[in-house]
Amino acid sequence: MDKERIVKNESLLRQINEGIAGAAAEHGRGDSQLPYVCECPVLECGRILHLTLAKYQAVRQHPARFLVANGHEVEGVEEVVERQARYLVVKKIGEAK
């Protein structure tokens, strides 16, 4: 998979999760476990990760960080900065997109 495709896939998945976070905030669902999609570069992945709005917002405080399922990190492209039972937070190495 080429770098341009990876960036497009991650951007699309990030937009989906931003919509989920926005709707949760608008409807007062911030304390609930919400379904976010894995932001790994494989568009067909479709893995659903459940976490609160606050936890997702903590990931998004850093533009180079992405929410991915365990085992979906890409060695040499990103590093794991947080491990949870149901998901990982990865940081892109080099320029963030």
N, C-alpha and C. Protein backbone atom coordinates (compact mmCIF):
# COMPACT_ATOMS: atom_id res chain seq x y z
N MET A 1 0.86 -1.18 0.00
CA MET A 1 0.00 0.00 0.00
C MET A 1 0.90 1.24 0.00
N ASP A 2 0.67 2.16 -0.92
CA ASP A 2 1.53 3.33 -1.01
C ASP A 2 1.15 4.40 0.02
N LYS A 3 2.08 5.30 0.27
CA LYS A 3 1.92 6.31 1.32
C LYS A 3 0.69 7.20 1.08
N GLU A 4 0.45 7.58 -0.16
CA GLU A 4 -0.71 8.44 -0.48
C GLU A 4 -2.02 7.75 -0.13
N ARG A 5 -2.12 6.47 -0.43
CA ARG A 5 -3.33 5.70 -0.11
C ARG A 5 -3.51 5.58 1.40
N ILE A 6 -2.43 5.35 2.13
CA ILE A 6 -2.48 5.26 3.58
C ILE A 6 -3.02 6.56 4.17
N VAL A 7 -2.49 7.68 3.70
CA VAL A 7 -2.91 8.99 4.21
C VAL A 7 -4.39 9.23 3.92
N LYS A 8 -4.86 8.90 2.73
CA LYS A 8 -6.27 9.08 2.38
C LYS A 8 -7.17 8.21 3.24
N ASN A 9 -6.79 6.95 3.43
CA ASN A 9 -7.59 6.04 4.25
C ASN A 9 -7.68 6.54 5.68
N GLU A 10 -6.55 6.90 6.27
CA GLU A 10 -6.54 7.38 7.65
C GLU A 10 -7.34 8.66 7.80
N SER A 11 -7.26 9.53 6.81
CA SER A 11 -8.01 10.79 6.84
C SER A 11 -9.51 10.52 6.82
N LEU A 12 -9.95 9.62 5.96
CA LEU A 12 -11.37 9.26 5.88
C LEU A 12 -11.86 8.67 7.20
N LEU A 13 -11.10 7.76 7.76
CA LEU A 13 -11.49 7.13 9.02
C LEU A 13 -11.50 8.14 10.16
N ARG A 14 -10.56 9.05 10.15
CA ARG A 14 -10.52 10.11 11.16
C ARG A 14 -11.78 10.98 11.06
N GLN A 15 -12.22 11.30 9.84
CA GLN A 15 -13.44 12.09 9.65
C GLN A 15 -14.66 11.37 10.20
N ILE A 16 -14.73 10.08 10.00
CA ILE A 16 -15.84 9.29 10.54
C ILE A 16 -15.86 9.39 12.06
N ASN A 17 -14.70 9.20 12.68
CA ASN A 17 -14.63 9.27 14.14
C ASN A 17 -14.90 10.67 14.67
N GLU A 18 -14.49 11.68 13.95
CA GLU A 18 -14.79 13.05 14.36
C GLU A 18 -16.31 13.28 14.35
N GLY A 19 -17.00 12.70 13.37
CA GLY A 19 -18.46 12.80 13.33
C GLY A 19 -19.11 12.11 14.51
N ILE A 20 -18.60 10.95 14.87
CA ILE A 20 -19.11 10.23 16.04
C ILE A 20 -18.89 11.06 17.30
N ALA A 21 -17.70 11.61 17.46
CA ALA A 21 -17.38 12.42 18.64
C ALA A 21 -18.25 13.67 18.70
N GLY A 22 -18.46 14.31 17.55
CA GLY A 22 -19.29 15.51 17.51
C GLY A 22 -20.73 15.21 17.89
N ALA A 23 -21.26 14.12 17.37
CA ALA A 23 -22.64 13.74 17.69
C ALA A 23 -22.77 13.38 19.17
N ALA A 24 -21.78 12.70 19.71
CA ALA A 24 -21.81 12.32 21.13
C ALA A 24 -21.81 13.56 22.01
N ALA A 25 -20.98 14.52 21.67
CA ALA A 25 -20.92 15.76 22.45
C ALA A 25 -22.24 16.53 22.35
N GLU A 26 -22.79 16.59 21.15
CA GLU A 26 -24.03 17.32 20.91
C GLU A 26 -25.21 16.72 21.67
N HIS A 27 -25.21 15.39 21.81
CA HIS A 27 -26.34 14.71 22.44
C HIS A 27 -26.06 14.27 23.87
N GLY A 28 -24.99 14.78 24.46
CA GLY A 28 -24.70 14.49 25.85
C GLY A 28 -24.37 13.04 26.15
N ARG A 29 -23.69 12.38 25.22
CA ARG A 29 -23.36 10.96 25.39
C ARG A 29 -21.89 10.76 25.73
N GLY A 30 -21.24 11.80 26.26
CA GLY A 30 -19.80 11.75 26.51
C GLY A 30 -19.34 10.69 27.48
N ASP A 31 -20.19 10.26 28.42
CA ASP A 31 -19.79 9.26 29.41
C ASP A 31 -20.00 7.83 28.92
N SER A 32 -20.68 7.67 27.82
CA SER A 32 -20.98 6.33 27.29
C SER A 32 -19.79 5.76 26.54
N GLN A 33 -19.74 4.44 26.45
CA GLN A 33 -18.77 3.78 25.56
C GLN A 33 -19.32 3.93 24.15
N LEU A 34 -18.58 4.59 23.30
CA LEU A 34 -19.04 4.88 21.94
C LEU A 34 -18.26 4.05 20.92
N PRO A 35 -18.88 3.75 19.78
CA PRO A 35 -18.20 2.95 18.75
C PRO A 35 -17.40 3.82 17.79
N TYR A 36 -16.10 3.71 17.84
CA TYR A 36 -15.21 4.41 16.90
C TYR A 36 -14.60 3.37 15.96
N VAL A 37 -14.25 3.79 14.75
CA VAL A 37 -13.63 2.85 13.81
C VAL A 37 -12.11 2.89 13.97
N CYS A 38 -11.50 1.75 13.72
CA CYS A 38 -10.05 1.65 13.75
C CYS A 38 -9.49 2.59 12.68
N GLU A 39 -8.51 3.40 13.04
CA GLU A 39 -7.92 4.36 12.11
C GLU A 39 -6.64 3.83 11.47
N CYS A 40 -6.55 2.51 11.32
CA CYS A 40 -5.39 1.93 10.66
C CYS A 40 -5.48 2.22 9.16
N PRO A 41 -4.39 2.02 8.42
CA PRO A 41 -4.40 2.38 7.00
C PRO A 41 -5.22 1.47 6.09
N VAL A 42 -5.75 0.37 6.61
CA VAL A 42 -6.52 -0.56 5.78
C VAL A 42 -7.99 -0.15 5.82
N LEU A 43 -8.46 0.48 4.77
CA LEU A 43 -9.82 1.01 4.71
C LEU A 43 -10.86 -0.09 4.96
N GLU A 44 -10.60 -1.28 4.49
CA GLU A 44 -11.54 -2.38 4.63
C GLU A 44 -11.57 -2.98 6.03
N CYS A 45 -10.72 -2.53 6.93
CA CYS A 45 -10.61 -3.10 8.28
C CYS A 45 -11.96 -3.12 8.97
N GLY A 46 -12.56 -1.99 9.21
CA GLY A 46 -13.89 -1.92 9.81
C GLY A 46 -13.99 -2.32 11.27
N ARG A 47 -12.86 -2.53 11.94
CA ARG A 47 -12.90 -2.91 13.37
C ARG A 47 -13.48 -1.77 14.19
N ILE A 48 -14.39 -2.10 15.09
CA ILE A 48 -15.02 -1.11 15.96
C ILE A 48 -14.36 -1.16 17.33
N LEU A 49 -13.99 0.01 17.83
CA LEU A 49 -13.33 0.16 19.13
C LEU A 49 -14.22 1.01 20.02
N HIS A 50 -14.50 0.53 21.22
CA HIS A 50 -15.40 1.25 22.12
C HIS A 50 -14.60 1.99 23.20
N LEU A 51 -14.82 3.30 23.27
CA LEU A 51 -14.22 4.13 24.30
C LEU A 51 -15.06 5.38 24.50
N THR A 52 -14.82 6.08 25.59
CA THR A 52 -15.60 7.28 25.88
C THR A 52 -15.13 8.44 25.01
N LEU A 53 -15.97 9.45 24.94
CA LEU A 53 -15.62 10.67 24.21
C LEU A 53 -14.35 11.28 24.77
N ALA A 54 -14.22 11.33 26.09
CA ALA A 54 -13.03 11.91 26.73
C ALA A 54 -11.76 11.17 26.31
N LYS A 55 -11.83 9.85 26.27
CA LYS A 55 -10.66 9.05 25.85
C LYS A 55 -10.32 9.34 24.39
N TYR A 56 -11.34 9.44 23.53
CA TYR A 56 -11.08 9.74 22.11
C TYR A 56 -10.49 11.14 21.96
N GLN A 57 -11.04 12.09 22.70
CA GLN A 57 -10.52 13.46 22.63
C GLN A 57 -9.08 13.54 23.11
N ALA A 58 -8.72 12.70 24.07
CA ALA A 58 -7.33 12.67 24.54
C ALA A 58 -6.39 12.21 23.43
N VAL A 59 -6.83 11.24 22.62
CA VAL A 59 -6.04 10.81 21.47
C VAL A 59 -5.88 11.97 20.51
N ARG A 60 -6.97 12.68 20.22
CA ARG A 60 -6.99 13.76 19.23
C ARG A 60 -6.28 15.03 19.67
N GLN A 61 -5.89 15.13 20.92
CA GLN A 61 -5.13 16.31 21.36
C GLN A 61 -3.79 16.40 20.64
N HIS A 62 -3.35 15.30 20.09
CA HIS A 62 -2.08 15.22 19.38
C HIS A 62 -2.37 14.85 17.92
N PRO A 63 -2.19 15.76 16.98
CA PRO A 63 -2.57 15.50 15.59
C PRO A 63 -1.90 14.28 14.95
N ALA A 64 -0.74 13.87 15.45
CA ALA A 64 -0.02 12.75 14.86
C ALA A 64 -0.43 11.41 15.47
N ARG A 65 -1.42 11.41 16.37
CA ARG A 65 -1.84 10.18 17.04
C ARG A 65 -3.14 9.64 16.44
N PHE A 66 -3.21 8.31 16.36
CA PHE A 66 -4.35 7.63 15.78
C PHE A 66 -4.78 6.47 16.68
N LEU A 67 -6.05 6.15 16.61
CA LEU A 67 -6.66 5.07 17.37
C LEU A 67 -6.71 3.83 16.49
N VAL A 68 -6.08 2.74 16.93
CA VAL A 68 -6.09 1.51 16.12
C VAL A 68 -6.35 0.29 17.00
N ALA A 69 -6.82 -0.76 16.39
CA ALA A 69 -7.02 -2.03 17.08
C ALA A 69 -5.67 -2.65 17.41
N ASN A 70 -5.63 -3.47 18.45
CA ASN A 70 -4.41 -4.19 18.79
C ASN A 70 -3.94 -4.99 17.58
N GLY A 71 -2.65 -4.88 17.27
CA GLY A 71 -2.09 -5.60 16.14
C GLY A 71 -2.18 -4.86 14.81
N HIS A 72 -2.81 -3.70 14.78
CA HIS A 72 -2.96 -2.94 13.54
C HIS A 72 -1.94 -1.83 13.38
N GLU A 73 -0.98 -1.75 14.28
CA GLU A 73 0.07 -0.75 14.16
C GLU A 73 1.00 -1.13 13.00
N VAL A 74 1.59 -0.12 12.35
CA VAL A 74 2.45 -0.34 11.20
C VAL A 74 3.89 -0.03 11.60
N GLU A 75 4.69 -1.07 11.74
CA GLU A 75 6.07 -0.92 12.16
C GLU A 75 6.85 -0.06 11.18
N GLY A 76 7.64 0.84 11.72
CA GLY A 76 8.46 1.72 10.89
C GLY A 76 7.74 2.98 10.44
N VAL A 77 6.42 3.02 10.57
CA VAL A 77 5.62 4.17 10.18
C VAL A 77 5.05 4.87 11.41
N GLU A 78 4.82 4.09 12.46
CA GLU A 78 4.24 4.64 13.68
C GLU A 78 4.77 3.87 14.89
N GLU A 79 4.66 4.50 16.05
CA GLU A 79 5.06 3.84 17.29
C GLU A 79 3.89 3.85 18.26
N VAL A 80 3.78 2.81 19.05
CA VAL A 80 2.71 2.70 20.04
C VAL A 80 3.07 3.61 21.22
N VAL A 81 2.14 4.52 21.58
CA VAL A 81 2.36 5.42 22.72
C VAL A 81 1.43 5.10 23.88
N GLU A 82 0.40 4.28 23.63
CA GLU A 82 -0.51 3.87 24.69
C GLU A 82 -1.11 2.52 24.33
N ARG A 83 -1.13 1.62 25.31
CA ARG A 83 -1.74 0.30 25.11
C ARG A 83 -2.90 0.15 26.08
N GLN A 84 -4.06 -0.15 25.53
CA GLN A 84 -5.24 -0.46 26.34
C GLN A 84 -5.68 -1.87 25.97
N ALA A 85 -6.55 -2.43 26.77
CA ALA A 85 -7.01 -3.80 26.51
C ALA A 85 -7.69 -3.93 25.15
N ARG A 86 -8.44 -2.89 24.74
CA ARG A 86 -9.23 -2.97 23.51
C ARG A 86 -8.66 -2.20 22.33
N TYR A 87 -7.66 -1.37 22.55
CA TYR A 87 -7.12 -0.56 21.46
C TYR A 87 -5.71 -0.06 21.78
N LEU A 88 -5.08 0.50 20.75
CA LEU A 88 -3.77 1.14 20.88
C LEU A 88 -3.90 2.59 20.42
N VAL A 89 -3.02 3.43 20.92
CA VAL A 89 -2.85 4.77 20.39
C VAL A 89 -1.45 4.78 19.78
N VAL A 90 -1.39 5.11 18.49
CA VAL A 90 -0.11 5.15 17.81
C VAL A 90 0.22 6.57 17.39
N LYS A 91 1.51 6.85 17.29
CA LYS A 91 1.99 8.16 16.86
C LYS A 91 2.77 7.95 15.57
N LYS A 92 2.44 8.75 14.57
CA LYS A 92 3.15 8.68 13.31
C LYS A 92 4.58 9.14 13.50
N ILE A 93 5.50 8.43 12.87
CA ILE A 93 6.91 8.80 12.90
C ILE A 93 7.16 9.73 11.72
N GLY A 94 7.76 10.86 11.98
CA GLY A 94 8.01 11.84 10.93
C GLY A 94 6.87 12.82 10.82
N GLU A 95 6.60 13.28 9.62
CA GLU A 95 5.57 14.30 9.38
C GLU A 95 4.17 13.74 9.58
N ALA A 96 3.38 14.39 10.45
CA ALA A 96 1.98 13.97 10.68
C ALA A 96 1.11 14.46 9.54
N LYS A 97 0.10 13.68 9.20
CA LYS A 97 -0.84 14.06 8.13
C LYS A 97 -2.19 14.32 8.71
